[in-house]
C-alpha atoms as a PDB file:
ATOM      1  CA  MET A   1     107.079  57.922 142.419  1.00  0.00           C
ATOM      2  CA  ALA A   2     109.018  58.447 139.205  1.00  0.00           C
ATOM      3  CA  ALA A   3     107.418  57.653 135.877  1.00  0.00           C
ATOM      4  CA  GLN A   4     109.517  55.057 134.051  1.00  0.00           C
ATOM      5  CA  ALA A   5     110.330  56.406 130.609  1.00  0.00           C
ATOM      6  CA  THR A   6     109.942  54.344 127.459  1.00  0.00           C
ATOM      7  CA  PHE A   7     112.670  56.208 125.557  1.00  0.00           C
ATOM      8  CA  LYS A   8     116.366  55.465 125.793  1.00  0.00           C
ATOM      9  CA  SER A   9     117.855  58.981 125.880  1.00  0.00           C
ATOM     10  CA  ILE A  10     116.810  62.106 127.753  1.00  0.00           C
ATOM     11  CA  LYS A  11     117.845  64.133 124.668  1.00  0.00           C
ATOM     12  CA  SER A  12     114.695  62.873 122.917  1.00  0.00           C
ATOM     13  CA  LEU A  13     112.509  64.643 125.521  1.00  0.00           C
ATOM     14  CA  VAL A  14     111.533  68.228 124.619  1.00  0.00           C
ATOM     15  CA  PRO A  15     109.614  70.179 127.306  1.00  0.00           C
ATOM     16  CA  LEU A  16     106.453  72.010 126.232  1.00  0.00           C
ATOM     17  CA  LEU A  17     105.428  75.594 126.969  1.00  0.00           C
ATOM     18  CA  ASP A  18     107.266  77.008 130.005  1.00  0.00           C
ATOM     19  CA  ARG A  19     108.455  73.661 131.378  1.00  0.00           C
ATOM     20  CA  VAL A  20     112.096  73.193 132.375  1.00  0.00           C
ATOM     21  CA  LEU A  21     113.789  69.777 132.528  1.00  0.00           C
ATOM     22  CA  VAL A  22     116.440  69.589 135.262  1.00  0.00           C
ATOM     23  CA  GLN A  23     118.695  67.021 136.873  1.00  0.00           C
ATOM     24  CA  ARG A  24     119.190  67.516 140.613  1.00  0.00           C
ATOM     25  CA  PHE A  25     122.684  67.269 142.071  1.00  0.00           C
ATOM     26  CA  LYS A  26     123.231  64.051 143.977  1.00  0.00           C
ATOM     27  CA  ALA A  27     123.998  64.235 147.688  1.00  0.00           C
ATOM     28  CA  GLU A  28     127.451  63.053 148.719  1.00  0.00           C
ATOM     29  CA  THR A  29     127.385  59.722 150.515  1.00  0.00           C
ATOM     30  CA  LYS A  30     130.903  60.110 151.903  1.00  0.00           C
ATOM     31  CA  THR A  31     132.549  63.057 153.657  1.00  0.00           C
ATOM     32  CA  ALA A  32     135.923  64.527 152.662  1.00  0.00           C
ATOM     33  CA  THR A  33     137.544  62.582 155.499  1.00  0.00           C
ATOM     34  CA  GLY A  34     136.092  59.257 154.267  1.00  0.00           C
ATOM     35  CA  ILE A  35     133.173  58.819 156.676  1.00  0.00           C
ATOM     36  CA  PHE A  36     130.109  57.265 155.021  1.00  0.00           C
ATOM     37  CA  LEU A  37     126.854  59.117 155.681  1.00  0.00           C
ATOM     38  CA  PRO A  38     123.671  57.182 156.527  1.00  0.00           C
ATOM     39  CA  THR A  39     120.929  57.131 153.886  1.00  0.00           C
ATOM     40  CA  SER A  40     118.656  59.107 156.208  1.00  0.00           C
ATOM     41  CA  ALA A  41     121.089  62.023 155.937  1.00  0.00           C
ATOM     42  CA  THR A  42     121.177  61.898 152.115  1.00  0.00           C
ATOM     43  CA  ASN A  43     117.454  61.290 151.364  1.00  0.00           C
ATOM     44  CA  THR A  44     116.519  64.977 151.263  1.00  0.00           C
ATOM     45  CA  PRO A  45     116.897  66.226 147.694  1.00  0.00           C
ATOM     46  CA  LEU A  46     119.454  68.979 147.177  1.00  0.00           C
ATOM     47  CA  PRO A  47     117.953  72.304 146.091  1.00  0.00           C
ATOM     48  CA  GLU A  48     120.472  72.725 143.253  1.00  0.00           C
ATOM     49  CA  ALA A  49     120.123  71.355 139.724  1.00  0.00           C
ATOM     50  CA  THR A  50     121.418  71.684 136.179  1.00  0.00           C
ATOM     51  CA  VAL A  51     118.989  72.630 133.411  1.00  0.00           C
ATOM     52  CA  VAL A  52     118.949  69.934 130.720  1.00  0.00           C
ATOM     53  CA  ALA A  53     116.307  71.364 128.343  1.00  0.00           C
ATOM     54  CA  VAL A  54     113.699  74.140 128.253  1.00  0.00           C
ATOM     55  CA  GLY A  55     110.425  74.677 126.436  1.00  0.00           C
ATOM     56  CA  PRO A  56     109.831  77.617 124.084  1.00  0.00           C
ATOM     57  CA  GLY A  57     107.785  79.583 126.618  1.00  0.00           C
ATOM     58  CA  ALA A  58     104.132  80.104 127.460  1.00  0.00           C
ATOM     59  CA  PRO A  59     101.662  82.597 126.005  1.00  0.00           C
ATOM     60  CA  ASN A  60     100.615  85.508 128.215  1.00  0.00           C
ATOM     61  CA  LYS A  61      97.037  86.838 128.355  1.00  0.00           C
ATOM     62  CA  ASP A  62      97.588  88.739 125.079  1.00  0.00           C
ATOM     63  CA  GLY A  63      98.787  85.588 123.297  1.00  0.00           C
ATOM     64  CA  VAL A  64     102.436  86.699 123.080  1.00  0.00           C
ATOM     65  CA  ILE A  65     104.941  83.917 123.838  1.00  0.00           C
ATOM     66  CA  VAL A  66     107.013  84.765 126.924  1.00  0.00           C
ATOM     67  CA  PRO A  67     110.324  82.829 126.755  1.00  0.00           C
ATOM     68  CA  THR A  68     111.674  80.935 129.757  1.00  0.00           C
ATOM     69  CA  THR A  69     114.169  82.727 131.989  1.00  0.00           C
ATOM     70  CA  VAL A  70     116.732  79.902 132.026  1.00  0.00           C
ATOM     71  CA  LYS A  71     118.555  77.981 129.300  1.00  0.00           C
ATOM     72  CA  ALA A  72     120.157  74.545 129.017  1.00  0.00           C
ATOM     73  CA  GLY A  73     123.337  74.311 131.091  1.00  0.00           C
ATOM     74  CA  ASP A  74     122.278  76.868 133.735  1.00  0.00           C
ATOM     75  CA  ARG A  75     122.558  75.991 137.426  1.00  0.00           C
ATOM     76  CA  VAL A  76     119.339  76.737 139.289  1.00  0.00           C
ATOM     77  CA  LEU A  77     117.945  76.732 142.822  1.00  0.00           C
ATOM     78  CA  LEU A  78     114.770  74.651 143.222  1.00  0.00           C
ATOM     79  CA  PRO A  79     112.142  74.324 145.921  1.00  0.00           C
ATOM     80  CA  GLY A  80     112.796  71.453 148.349  1.00  0.00           C
ATOM     81  CA  TRP A  81     110.041  69.262 146.897  1.00  0.00           C
ATOM     82  CA  GLY A  82     107.928  69.236 143.777  1.00  0.00           C
ATOM     83  CA  GLY A  83     108.324  68.835 140.066  1.00  0.00           C
ATOM     84  CA  ASN A  84     107.317  65.825 138.015  1.00  0.00           C
ATOM     85  CA  SER A  85     109.938  63.122 138.168  1.00  0.00           C
ATOM     86  CA  ILE A  86     110.996  61.142 135.094  1.00  0.00           C
ATOM     87  CA  LYS A  87     113.356  58.182 135.289  1.00  0.00           C
ATOM     88  CA  VAL A  88     115.497  57.227 132.289  1.00  0.00           C
ATOM     89  CA  GLY A  89     117.543  54.136 133.082  1.00  0.00           C
ATOM     90  CA  GLU A  90     119.165  54.828 136.447  1.00  0.00           C
ATOM     91  CA  GLU A  91     119.065  58.638 136.069  1.00  0.00           C
ATOM     92  CA  GLU A  92     116.229  60.730 137.507  1.00  0.00           C
ATOM     93  CA  TYR A  93     115.133  64.048 135.992  1.00  0.00           C
ATOM     94  CA  PHE A  94     112.446  66.548 136.991  1.00  0.00           C
ATOM     95  CA  LEU A  95     110.083  68.820 135.061  1.00  0.00           C
ATOM     96  CA  PHE A  96     109.332  72.171 136.705  1.00  0.00           C
ATOM     97  CA  LYS A  97     107.421  75.192 135.480  1.00  0.00           C
ATOM     98  CA  ASP A  98     109.687  78.166 134.844  1.00  0.00           C
ATOM     99  CA  SER A  99     107.868  80.142 137.570  1.00  0.00           C
ATOM    100  CA  GLU A 100     108.641  77.415 140.168  1.00  0.00           C
ATOM    101  CA  ILE A 101     112.411  77.858 139.827  1.00  0.00           C
ATOM    102  CA  LEU A 102     113.601  80.027 142.694  1.00  0.00           C
ATOM    103  CA  ALA A 103     116.864  81.453 141.291  1.00  0.00           C
ATOM    104  CA  LYS A 104     119.577  81.098 138.689  1.00  0.00           C
ATOM    105  CA  ILE A 105     123.056  80.523 140.155  1.00  0.00           C
ATOM    106  CA  GLN A 106     125.765  82.609 138.515  1.00  0.00           C
ATOM    107  CA  GLU A 107     129.414  81.962 139.288  1.00  0.00           C
END
């Protein structure tokens, strides 16, 4: 269940500590040949997302701030489920901890 946001723009949301705000890619509802896919085939979230914003990092056991490993604009690979969902208008975003992100996609 997504939390309905009270702000109008996602740009006003700044993640804290080592949190990363991402927007998952949307599954295609139509194939290249024009066949529409059933909703049951497109319900599973795609594991790829774009990083929208990142927090400054989290302190380690010595109190030194360890910065996040990704930055805004990066494409990342996410676990199949998880993250805290935030809905702004019709768009859905997710907050993950930096350590939960599986990989950064470089092309």
